[in-house]
Amino acid sequence: MLKKLIPLLLLVTLISCSNEDTDVEIDPNLSLSDQIDQLIDQNRYETALDLLEDEDPQNPDTRFLLEKTHLNYGLHSMNTFDQTEMRTRMNNALIQFTEVLKLNPDNQMARDQIIQIMDIYSTIPDRQPEPEVLEALREVGFDY
C-alpha cells in the first residue's frame, strides 16, 4: 500500500510546490533559514532579499542564505519562459549569478550558468547583455 502512495504523495508535493499563484504568508516565528526557504519555494526572491537586507552581511549564515537566494533567483530567471522578455530575464540571471560569485567565488554552478548564457548570446548577432551587466561580469572575472 505504501509503495502505491509514494508516487501520489510525490505528485501532490510537486503540484503544491509549483503553484506560483498562491503566496503563503511566511510565519515570522520560523527561523530565518526556514523563512528564506519558503520564500524561495514561492519564487519570492525580492522578498527574501529584502528580509536578508537587515542581517549582518559578514555572518556566514547570512552569506549562505544570500548565495542560495541569488542562485535560485538566477536559475528561475533563466528558466521562466517568456520570449518577449528574454533579454530582461537573462540580464537579471547574469546579475544574480554575479552576486553569487561575489559571495562565493568558487560557486561552480553560477560560473557554469554565466558561461551558458554568454554562449547563447555569442550565437545571436548584435546582441549582448546590458553594459552594466557586462561590467558586473568583469568584476567577477569574466571578460566579454
C-alpha atoms as a PDB file:
ATOM      1  CA  MET A   1       0.000   0.000   0.000  1.00  0.00           C
ATOM      2  CA  LEU A   2       2.789   2.420   0.913  1.00  0.00           C
ATOM      3  CA  LYS A   3       4.523   1.826  -2.437  1.00  0.00           C
ATOM      4  CA  LYS A   4       1.356   2.935  -4.207  1.00  0.00           C
ATOM      5  CA  LEU A   5       1.030   6.061  -2.073  1.00  0.00           C
ATOM      6  CA  ILE A   6       4.592   7.328  -2.572  1.00  0.00           C
ATOM      7  CA  PRO A   7       4.119   8.345  -6.251  1.00  0.00           C
ATOM      8  CA  LEU A   8       0.823  10.004  -5.369  1.00  0.00           C
ATOM      9  CA  LEU A   9       2.411  11.933  -2.484  1.00  0.00           C
ATOM     10  CA  LEU A  10       5.267  12.967  -4.745  1.00  0.00           C
ATOM     11  CA  LEU A  11       2.829  14.246  -7.366  1.00  0.00           C
ATOM     12  CA  VAL A  12       0.846  16.202  -4.775  1.00  0.00           C
ATOM     13  CA  THR A  13       4.070  17.720  -3.447  1.00  0.00           C
ATOM     14  CA  LEU A  14       5.200  18.742  -6.940  1.00  0.00           C
ATOM     15  CA  ILE A  15       1.848  20.295  -7.733  1.00  0.00           C
ATOM     16  CA  SER A  16       1.748  22.210  -4.473  1.00  0.00           C
ATOM     17  CA  CYS A  17       5.332  23.429  -4.937  1.00  0.00           C
ATOM     18  CA  SER A  18       4.727  24.554  -8.499  1.00  0.00           C
ATOM     19  CA  ASN A  19       1.666  26.654  -7.748  1.00  0.00           C
ATOM     20  CA  GLU A  20       3.088  30.163  -8.182  1.00  0.00           C
ATOM     21  CA  ASP A  21      -0.259  31.916  -7.823  1.00  0.00           C
ATOM     22  CA  THR A  22      -0.559  31.363  -4.092  1.00  0.00           C
ATOM     23  CA  ASP A  23       1.802  33.250  -1.852  1.00  0.00           C
ATOM     24  CA  VAL A  24       1.505  31.717   1.568  1.00  0.00           C
ATOM     25  CA  GLU A  25       2.139  34.098   4.427  1.00  0.00           C
ATOM     26  CA  ILE A  26       5.517  33.372   5.977  1.00  0.00           C
ATOM     27  CA  ASP A  27       5.453  32.731   9.717  1.00  0.00           C
ATOM     28  CA  PRO A  28       7.821  35.285  11.291  1.00  0.00           C
ATOM     29  CA  ASN A  29       8.394  32.854  14.179  1.00  0.00           C
ATOM     30  CA  LEU A  30      10.213  30.451  11.853  1.00  0.00           C
ATOM     31  CA  SER A  31      13.983  30.555  11.703  1.00  0.00           C
ATOM     32  CA  LEU A  32      15.402  32.933   9.117  1.00  0.00           C
ATOM     33  CA  SER A  33      16.628  29.957   7.099  1.00  0.00           C
ATOM     34  CA  ASP A  34      13.143  28.402   7.031  1.00  0.00           C
ATOM     35  CA  GLN A  35      11.579  31.732   6.045  1.00  0.00           C
ATOM     36  CA  ILE A  36      14.040  32.089   3.162  1.00  0.00           C
ATOM     37  CA  ASP A  37      13.393  28.503   2.040  1.00  0.00           C
ATOM     38  CA  GLN A  38       9.657  29.162   1.939  1.00  0.00           C
ATOM     39  CA  LEU A  39      10.111  32.391   0.001  1.00  0.00           C
ATOM     40  CA  ILE A  40      12.374  30.630  -2.499  1.00  0.00           C
ATOM     41  CA  ASP A  41       9.785  27.856  -2.861  1.00  0.00           C
ATOM     42  CA  GLN A  42       7.242  30.557  -3.726  1.00  0.00           C
ATOM     43  CA  ASN A  43       9.628  32.312  -6.154  1.00  0.00           C
ATOM     44  CA  ARG A  44       9.519  35.428  -3.974  1.00  0.00           C
ATOM     45  CA  TYR A  45      13.191  36.262  -4.335  1.00  0.00           C
ATOM     46  CA  GLU A  46      12.921  40.023  -3.885  1.00  0.00           C
ATOM     47  CA  THR A  47      11.055  39.478  -0.608  1.00  0.00           C
ATOM     48  CA  ALA A  48      13.743  37.030   0.525  1.00  0.00           C
ATOM     49  CA  LEU A  49      16.488  39.510  -0.365  1.00  0.00           C
ATOM     50  CA  ASP A  50      14.612  42.288   1.459  1.00  0.00           C
ATOM     51  CA  LEU A  51      14.416  40.068   4.539  1.00  0.00           C
ATOM     52  CA  LEU A  52      18.147  39.378   4.373  1.00  0.00           C
ATOM     53  CA  GLU A  53      18.986  43.055   3.878  1.00  0.00           C
ATOM     54  CA  ASP A  54      18.737  43.723   7.624  1.00  0.00           C
ATOM     55  CA  GLU A  55      21.081  40.865   8.519  1.00  0.00           C
ATOM     56  CA  ASP A  56      24.840  41.118   9.043  1.00  0.00           C
ATOM     57  CA  PRO A  57      26.362  40.573   5.573  1.00  0.00           C
ATOM     58  CA  GLN A  58      29.563  39.234   7.158  1.00  0.00           C
ATOM     59  CA  ASN A  59      27.758  36.493   9.076  1.00  0.00           C
ATOM     60  CA  PRO A  60      28.477  33.151   7.354  1.00  0.00           C
ATOM     61  CA  ASP A  61      24.838  32.047   7.739  1.00  0.00           C
ATOM     62  CA  THR A  62      23.605  35.260   6.111  1.00  0.00           C
ATOM     63  CA  ARG A  63      26.135  34.915   3.300  1.00  0.00           C
ATOM     64  CA  PHE A  64      24.980  31.343   2.677  1.00  0.00           C
ATOM     65  CA  LEU A  65      21.320  32.421   2.543  1.00  0.00           C
ATOM     66  CA  LEU A  66      22.164  35.305   0.213  1.00  0.00           C
ATOM     67  CA  GLU A  67      24.142  32.995  -2.063  1.00  0.00           C
ATOM     68  CA  LYS A  68      21.301  30.470  -2.101  1.00  0.00           C
ATOM     69  CA  THR A  69      18.676  33.138  -2.827  1.00  0.00           C
ATOM     70  CA  HIS A  70      20.663  34.786  -5.633  1.00  0.00           C
ATOM     71  CA  LEU A  71      21.468  31.413  -7.204  1.00  0.00           C
ATOM     72  CA  ASN A  72      17.837  30.299  -7.182  1.00  0.00           C
ATOM     73  CA  TYR A  73      16.700  33.709  -8.442  1.00  0.00           C
ATOM     74  CA  GLY A  74      19.131  33.454 -11.360  1.00  0.00           C
ATOM     75  CA  LEU A  75      18.018  29.926 -12.214  1.00  0.00           C
ATOM     76  CA  HIS A  76      14.384  30.992 -12.035  1.00  0.00           C
ATOM     77  CA  SER A  77      15.071  33.948 -14.339  1.00  0.00           C
ATOM     78  CA  MET A  78      16.763  31.659 -16.847  1.00  0.00           C
ATOM     79  CA  ASN A  79      14.060  29.022 -16.809  1.00  0.00           C
ATOM     80  CA  THR A  80      10.898  31.112 -16.816  1.00  0.00           C
ATOM     81  CA  PHE A  81       9.792  31.083 -20.416  1.00  0.00           C
ATOM     82  CA  ASP A  82       8.583  34.373 -21.830  1.00  0.00           C
ATOM     83  CA  GLN A  83      10.245  35.029 -25.158  1.00  0.00           C
ATOM     84  CA  THR A  84       9.244  38.704 -25.217  1.00  0.00           C
ATOM     85  CA  GLU A  85      11.231  39.307 -22.034  1.00  0.00           C
ATOM     86  CA  MET A  86      14.173  37.043 -22.759  1.00  0.00           C
ATOM     87  CA  ARG A  87      16.845  39.751 -22.664  1.00  0.00           C
ATOM     88  CA  THR A  88      15.481  41.175 -19.405  1.00  0.00           C
ATOM     89  CA  ARG A  89      15.390  37.704 -17.840  1.00  0.00           C
ATOM     90  CA  MET A  90      18.908  36.851 -18.988  1.00  0.00           C
ATOM     91  CA  ASN A  91      20.266  40.196 -17.745  1.00  0.00           C
ATOM     92  CA  ASN A  92      18.648  39.532 -14.379  1.00  0.00           C
ATOM     93  CA  ALA A  93      20.009  35.976 -14.297  1.00  0.00           C
ATOM     94  CA  LEU A  94      23.523  37.235 -15.035  1.00  0.00           C
ATOM     95  CA  ILE A  95      23.261  39.859 -12.294  1.00  0.00           C
ATOM     96  CA  GLN A  96      22.083  37.230  -9.805  1.00  0.00           C
ATOM     97  CA  PHE A  97      24.922  34.884 -10.728  1.00  0.00           C
ATOM     98  CA  THR A  98      27.482  37.680 -10.349  1.00  0.00           C
ATOM     99  CA  GLU A  99      26.077  38.349  -6.872  1.00  0.00           C
ATOM    100  CA  VAL A 100      26.571  34.658  -6.076  1.00  0.00           C
ATOM    101  CA  LEU A 101      30.206  34.880  -7.189  1.00  0.00           C
ATOM    102  CA  LYS A 102      30.787  37.992  -5.093  1.00  0.00           C
ATOM    103  CA  LEU A 103      29.666  35.963  -2.084  1.00  0.00           C
ATOM    104  CA  ASN A 104      31.388  32.744  -3.120  1.00  0.00           C
ATOM    105  CA  PRO A 105      33.896  32.945  -5.987  1.00  0.00           C
ATOM    106  CA  ASP A 106      34.077  29.131  -6.020  1.00  0.00           C
ATOM    107  CA  ASN A 107      30.391  28.585  -6.843  1.00  0.00           C
ATOM    108  CA  GLN A 108      30.753  26.474  -9.974  1.00  0.00           C
ATOM    109  CA  MET A 109      27.035  26.405 -10.769  1.00  0.00           C
ATOM    110  CA  ALA A 110      26.919  30.204 -11.066  1.00  0.00           C
ATOM    111  CA  ARG A 111      30.030  30.151 -13.269  1.00  0.00           C
ATOM    112  CA  ASP A 112      28.556  27.445 -15.498  1.00  0.00           C
ATOM    113  CA  GLN A 113      25.284  29.334 -15.897  1.00  0.00           C
ATOM    114  CA  ILE A 114      27.094  32.549 -16.850  1.00  0.00           C
ATOM    115  CA  ILE A 115      29.078  30.649 -19.480  1.00  0.00           C
ATOM    116  CA  GLN A 116      25.904  29.036 -20.817  1.00  0.00           C
ATOM    117  CA  ILE A 117      24.077  32.367 -21.134  1.00  0.00           C
ATOM    118  CA  MET A 118      27.058  34.085 -22.740  1.00  0.00           C
ATOM    119  CA  ASP A 119      27.472  31.159 -25.184  1.00  0.00           C
ATOM    120  CA  ILE A 120      23.874  31.721 -26.265  1.00  0.00           C
ATOM    121  CA  TYR A 121      24.492  35.448 -26.667  1.00  0.00           C
ATOM    122  CA  SER A 122      27.505  34.669 -28.879  1.00  0.00           C
ATOM    123  CA  THR A 123      25.208  32.924 -31.373  1.00  0.00           C
ATOM    124  CA  ILE A 124      22.933  35.953 -31.755  1.00  0.00           C
ATOM    125  CA  PRO A 125      24.337  38.744 -33.950  1.00  0.00           C
ATOM    126  CA  ASP A 126      24.289  42.242 -32.457  1.00  0.00           C
ATOM    127  CA  ARG A 127      23.010  41.030 -29.080  1.00  0.00           C
ATOM    128  CA  GLN A 128      24.721  41.213 -25.729  1.00  0.00           C
ATOM    129  CA  PRO A 129      23.793  41.923 -22.124  1.00  0.00           C
ATOM    130  CA  GLU A 130      23.333  45.471 -20.891  1.00  0.00           C
ATOM    131  CA  PRO A 131      26.603  47.401 -20.328  1.00  0.00           C
ATOM    132  CA  GLU A 132      26.167  47.376 -16.525  1.00  0.00           C
ATOM    133  CA  VAL A 133      25.753  43.587 -16.642  1.00  0.00           C
ATOM    134  CA  LEU A 134      28.969  43.247 -18.642  1.00  0.00           C
ATOM    135  CA  GLU A 135      30.727  45.442 -16.071  1.00  0.00           C
ATOM    136  CA  ALA A 136      29.432  43.263 -13.225  1.00  0.00           C
ATOM    137  CA  LEU A 137      30.712  40.188 -15.069  1.00  0.00           C
ATOM    138  CA  ARG A 138      34.153  41.780 -15.403  1.00  0.00           C
ATOM    139  CA  GLU A 139      34.168  42.431 -11.645  1.00  0.00           C
ATOM    140  CA  VAL A 140      33.892  38.669 -11.008  1.00  0.00           C
ATOM    141  CA  GLY A 141      36.462  37.664 -13.611  1.00  0.00           C
ATOM    142  CA  PHE A 142      34.544  37.290 -16.884  1.00  0.00           C
ATOM    143  CA  ASP A 143      35.786  39.417 -19.759  1.00  0.00           C
ATOM    144  CA  TYR A 144      33.168  39.641 -22.504  1.00  0.00           C
END
